Amino acid sequence: MLEITLKSPYQFAHILFQSTIVPHGGHYHFIPESDLSAGELAVAKV
């Protein structure tokens, strides 16, 4: 699991707006958009 230490709300916003939030069981995952394929990114934007 990747853990990130946030130093400011701006850093959180930067990460949040460049990620996709995916439900998984009873929790959620943040996936950086740069890790998604073109097809996955198209589905995520729907």
PDB file of N, CA and C in Angstrom:
ATOM      1  N   MET A   1       0.845  -1.172   0.000  1.00  0.00           N
ATOM      2  CA  MET A   1       0.000   0.000   0.000  1.00  0.00           C
ATOM      3  C   MET A   1       0.894   1.240   0.000  1.00  0.00           C
ATOM      4  N   LEU A   2       0.542   2.193  -0.818  1.00  0.00           N
ATOM      5  CA  LEU A   2       1.260   3.462  -0.901  1.00  0.00           C
ATOM      6  C   LEU A   2       0.699   4.430   0.124  1.00  0.00           C
ATOM      7  N   GLU A   3       1.572   4.977   0.935  1.00  0.00           N
ATOM      8  CA  GLU A   3       1.155   5.999   1.890  1.00  0.00           C
ATOM      9  C   GLU A   3       1.837   7.300   1.518  1.00  0.00           C
ATOM     10  N   ILE A   4       1.080   8.375   1.556  1.00  0.00           N
ATOM     11  CA  ILE A   4       1.596   9.692   1.191  1.00  0.00           C
ATOM     12  C   ILE A   4       1.435  10.617   2.383  1.00  0.00           C
ATOM     13  N   THR A   5       2.495  11.328   2.729  1.00  0.00           N
ATOM     14  CA  THR A   5       2.416  12.327   3.784  1.00  0.00           C
ATOM     15  C   THR A   5       2.096  13.664   3.139  1.00  0.00           C
ATOM     16  N   LEU A   6       0.949  14.208   3.487  1.00  0.00           N
ATOM     17  CA  LEU A   6       0.521  15.481   2.913  1.00  0.00           C
ATOM     18  C   LEU A   6       0.998  16.621   3.794  1.00  0.00           C
ATOM     19  N   LYS A   7       1.559  17.639   3.158  1.00  0.00           N
ATOM     20  CA  LYS A   7       2.084  18.776   3.896  1.00  0.00           C
ATOM     21  C   LYS A   7       1.195  20.003   3.787  1.00  0.00           C
ATOM     22  N   SER A   8       0.219  19.957   2.891  1.00  0.00           N
ATOM     23  CA  SER A   8      -0.691  21.091   2.752  1.00  0.00           C
ATOM     24  C   SER A   8      -1.964  20.642   2.047  1.00  0.00           C
ATOM     25  N   PRO A   9      -3.053  21.402   2.218  1.00  0.00           N
ATOM     26  CA  PRO A   9      -4.285  21.076   1.494  1.00  0.00           C
ATOM     27  C   PRO A   9      -4.107  21.191  -0.011  1.00  0.00           C
ATOM     28  N   TYR A  10      -3.197  22.034  -0.451  1.00  0.00           N
ATOM     29  CA  TYR A  10      -2.956  22.193  -1.890  1.00  0.00           C
ATOM     30  C   TYR A  10      -2.356  20.920  -2.477  1.00  0.00           C
ATOM     31  N   GLN A  11      -1.496  20.270  -1.710  1.00  0.00           N
ATOM     32  CA  GLN A  11      -0.914  19.016  -2.164  1.00  0.00           C
ATOM     33  C   GLN A  11      -2.008  17.952  -2.287  1.00  0.00           C
ATOM     34  N   PHE A  12      -2.931  17.910  -1.332  1.00  0.00           N
ATOM     35  CA  PHE A  12      -4.050  16.970  -1.391  1.00  0.00           C
ATOM     36  C   PHE A  12      -4.896  17.233  -2.629  1.00  0.00           C
ATOM     37  N   ALA A  13      -5.221  18.495  -2.891  1.00  0.00           N
ATOM     38  CA  ALA A  13      -6.038  18.846  -4.056  1.00  0.00           C
ATOM     39  C   ALA A  13      -5.340  18.438  -5.341  1.00  0.00           C
ATOM     40  N   HIS A  14      -4.034  18.649  -5.409  1.00  0.00           N
ATOM     41  CA  HIS A  14      -3.267  18.286  -6.604  1.00  0.00           C
ATOM     42  C   HIS A  14      -3.366  16.776  -6.859  1.00  0.00           C
ATOM     43  N   ILE A  15      -3.201  15.985  -5.810  1.00  0.00           N
ATOM     44  CA  ILE A  15      -3.297  14.529  -5.943  1.00  0.00           C
ATOM     45  C   ILE A  15      -4.721  14.114  -6.293  1.00  0.00           C
ATOM     46  N   LEU A  16      -5.700  14.695  -5.618  1.00  0.00           N
ATOM     47  CA  LEU A  16      -7.101  14.337  -5.834  1.00  0.00           C
ATOM     48  C   LEU A  16      -7.547  14.614  -7.265  1.00  0.00           C
ATOM     49  N   PHE A  17      -7.196  15.780  -7.811  1.00  0.00           N
ATOM     50  CA  PHE A  17      -7.677  16.154  -9.133  1.00  0.00           C
ATOM     51  C   PHE A  17      -6.925  15.465 -10.260  1.00  0.00           C
ATOM     52  N   GLN A  18      -5.850  14.759  -9.941  1.00  0.00           N
ATOM     53  CA  GLN A  18      -5.134  13.997 -10.960  1.00  0.00           C
ATOM     54  C   GLN A  18      -5.305  12.496 -10.752  1.00  0.00           C
ATOM     55  N   SER A  19      -6.359  12.120 -10.022  1.00  0.00           N
ATOM     56  CA  SER A  19      -6.607  10.716  -9.705  1.00  0.00           C
ATOM     57  C   SER A  19      -8.052  10.346 -10.008  1.00  0.00           C
ATOM     58  N   THR A  20      -8.277   9.061 -10.076  1.00  0.00           N
ATOM     59  CA  THR A  20      -9.615   8.517 -10.215  1.00  0.00           C
ATOM     60  C   THR A  20      -9.920   7.751  -8.935  1.00  0.00           C
ATOM     61  N   ILE A  21     -11.112   7.926  -8.394  1.00  0.00           N
ATOM     62  CA  ILE A  21     -11.516   7.237  -7.175  1.00  0.00           C
ATOM     63  C   ILE A  21     -12.348   6.026  -7.573  1.00  0.00           C
ATOM     64  N   VAL A  22     -11.935   4.845  -7.124  1.00  0.00           N
ATOM     65  CA  VAL A  22     -12.589   3.600  -7.515  1.00  0.00           C
ATOM     66  C   VAL A  22     -13.067   2.861  -6.268  1.00  0.00           C
ATOM     67  N   PRO A  23     -14.389   2.532  -6.195  1.00  0.00           N
ATOM     68  CA  PRO A  23     -14.870   1.754  -5.051  1.00  0.00           C
ATOM     69  C   PRO A  23     -14.368   0.312  -5.130  1.00  0.00           C
ATOM     70  N   HIS A  24     -14.030  -0.247  -3.982  1.00  0.00           N
ATOM     71  CA  HIS A  24     -13.541  -1.623  -3.926  1.00  0.00           C
ATOM     72  C   HIS A  24     -13.947  -2.205  -2.581  1.00  0.00           C
ATOM     73  N   GLY A  25     -14.969  -3.055  -2.594  1.00  0.00           N
ATOM     74  CA  GLY A  25     -15.474  -3.592  -1.334  1.00  0.00           C
ATOM     75  C   GLY A  25     -16.057  -2.472  -0.490  1.00  0.00           C
ATOM     76  N   GLY A  26     -15.624  -2.373   0.745  1.00  0.00           N
ATOM     77  CA  GLY A  26     -16.130  -1.339   1.639  1.00  0.00           C
ATOM     78  C   GLY A  26     -15.227  -0.131   1.742  1.00  0.00           C
ATOM     79  N   HIS A  27     -14.315   0.033   0.776  1.00  0.00           N
ATOM     80  CA  HIS A  27     -13.398   1.171   0.809  1.00  0.00           C
ATOM     81  C   HIS A  27     -13.148   1.665  -0.617  1.00  0.00           C
ATOM     82  N   TYR A  28     -12.309   2.674  -0.751  1.00  0.00           N
ATOM     83  CA  TYR A  28     -12.024   3.275  -2.057  1.00  0.00           C
ATOM     84  C   TYR A  28     -10.523   3.315  -2.306  1.00  0.00           C
ATOM     85  N   HIS A  29     -10.157   3.323  -3.579  1.00  0.00           N
ATOM     86  CA  HIS A  29      -8.762   3.467  -3.986  1.00  0.00           C
ATOM     87  C   HIS A  29      -8.629   4.734  -4.824  1.00  0.00           C
ATOM     88  N   PHE A  30      -7.530   5.441  -4.637  1.00  0.00           N
ATOM     89  CA  PHE A  30      -7.169   6.553  -5.511  1.00  0.00           C
ATOM     90  C   PHE A  30      -6.159   6.006  -6.505  1.00  0.00           C
ATOM     91  N   ILE A  31      -6.465   6.113  -7.783  1.00  0.00           N
ATOM     92  CA  ILE A  31      -5.560   5.633  -8.823  1.00  0.00           C
ATOM     93  C   ILE A  31      -5.126   6.839  -9.648  1.00  0.00           C
ATOM     94  N   PRO A  32      -3.822   7.112  -9.714  1.00  0.00           N
ATOM     95  CA  PRO A  32      -3.358   8.230 -10.536  1.00  0.00           C
ATOM     96  C   PRO A  32      -3.771   8.027 -11.993  1.00  0.00           C
ATOM     97  N   GLU A  33      -4.256   9.074 -12.626  1.00  0.00           N
ATOM     98  CA  GLU A  33      -4.692   8.961 -14.023  1.00  0.00           C
ATOM     99  C   GLU A  33      -3.541   8.537 -14.928  1.00  0.00           C
ATOM    100  N   SER A  34      -2.314   8.852 -14.542  1.00  0.00           N
ATOM    101  CA  SER A  34      -1.164   8.458 -15.362  1.00  0.00           C
ATOM    102  C   SER A  34      -0.965   6.938 -15.368  1.00  0.00           C
ATOM    103  N   ASP A  35      -1.566   6.217 -14.414  1.00  0.00           N
ATOM    104  CA  ASP A  35      -1.470   4.756 -14.365  1.00  0.00           C
ATOM    105  C   ASP A  35      -2.550   4.062 -15.187  1.00  0.00           C
ATOM    106  N   LEU A  36      -3.509   4.819 -15.720  1.00  0.00           N
ATOM    107  CA  LEU A  36      -4.618   4.237 -16.474  1.00  0.00           C
ATOM    108  C   LEU A  36      -4.308   4.191 -17.965  1.00  0.00           C
ATOM    109  N   SER A  37      -4.818   3.161 -18.631  1.00  0.00           N
ATOM    110  CA  SER A  37      -4.713   3.099 -20.090  1.00  0.00           C
ATOM    111  C   SER A  37      -5.712   4.090 -20.687  1.00  0.00           C
ATOM    112  N   ALA A  38      -5.630   4.318 -21.974  1.00  0.00           N
ATOM    113  CA  ALA A  38      -6.554   5.245 -22.640  1.00  0.00           C
ATOM    114  C   ALA A  38      -8.001   4.767 -22.482  1.00  0.00           C
ATOM    115  N   GLY A  39      -8.236   3.466 -22.597  1.00  0.00           N
ATOM    116  CA  GLY A  39      -9.584   2.918 -22.440  1.00  0.00           C
ATOM    117  C   GLY A  39     -10.104   3.064 -21.021  1.00  0.00           C
ATOM    118  N   GLU A  40      -9.247   2.790 -20.037  1.00  0.00           N
ATOM    119  CA  GLU A  40      -9.650   2.934 -18.636  1.00  0.00           C
ATOM    120  C   GLU A  40      -9.950   4.391 -18.305  1.00  0.00           C
ATOM    121  N   LEU A  41      -9.149   5.282 -18.836  1.00  0.00           N
ATOM    122  CA  LEU A  41      -9.355   6.706 -18.589  1.00  0.00           C
ATOM    123  C   LEU A  41     -10.672   7.176 -19.200  1.00  0.00           C
ATOM    124  N   ALA A  42     -11.010   6.678 -20.390  1.00  0.00           N
ATOM    125  CA  ALA A  42     -12.277   7.049 -21.027  1.00  0.00           C
ATOM    126  C   ALA A  42     -13.463   6.578 -20.190  1.00  0.00           C
ATOM    127  N   VAL A  43     -13.389   5.369 -19.652  1.00  0.00           N
ATOM    128  CA  VAL A  43     -14.466   4.843 -18.808  1.00  0.00           C
ATOM    129  C   VAL A  43     -14.545   5.629 -17.507  1.00  0.00           C
ATOM    130  N   ALA A  44     -13.409   5.986 -16.938  1.00  0.00           N
ATOM    131  CA  ALA A  44     -13.374   6.715 -15.668  1.00  0.00           C
ATOM    132  C   ALA A  44     -13.981   8.102 -15.795  1.00  0.00           C
ATOM    133  N   LYS A  45     -13.923   8.689 -16.973  1.00  0.00           N
ATOM    134  CA  LYS A  45     -14.433  10.047 -17.182  1.00  0.00           C
ATOM    135  C   LYS A  45     -15.938  10.085 -17.402  1.00  0.00           C
ATOM    136  N   VAL A  46     -16.580   8.919 -17.521  1.00  0.00           N
ATOM    137  CA  VAL A  46     -18.032   8.869 -17.767  1.00  0.00           C
ATOM    138  C   VAL A  46     -18.782   9.224 -16.513  1.00  0.00           C
TER     139      VAL A  46
END
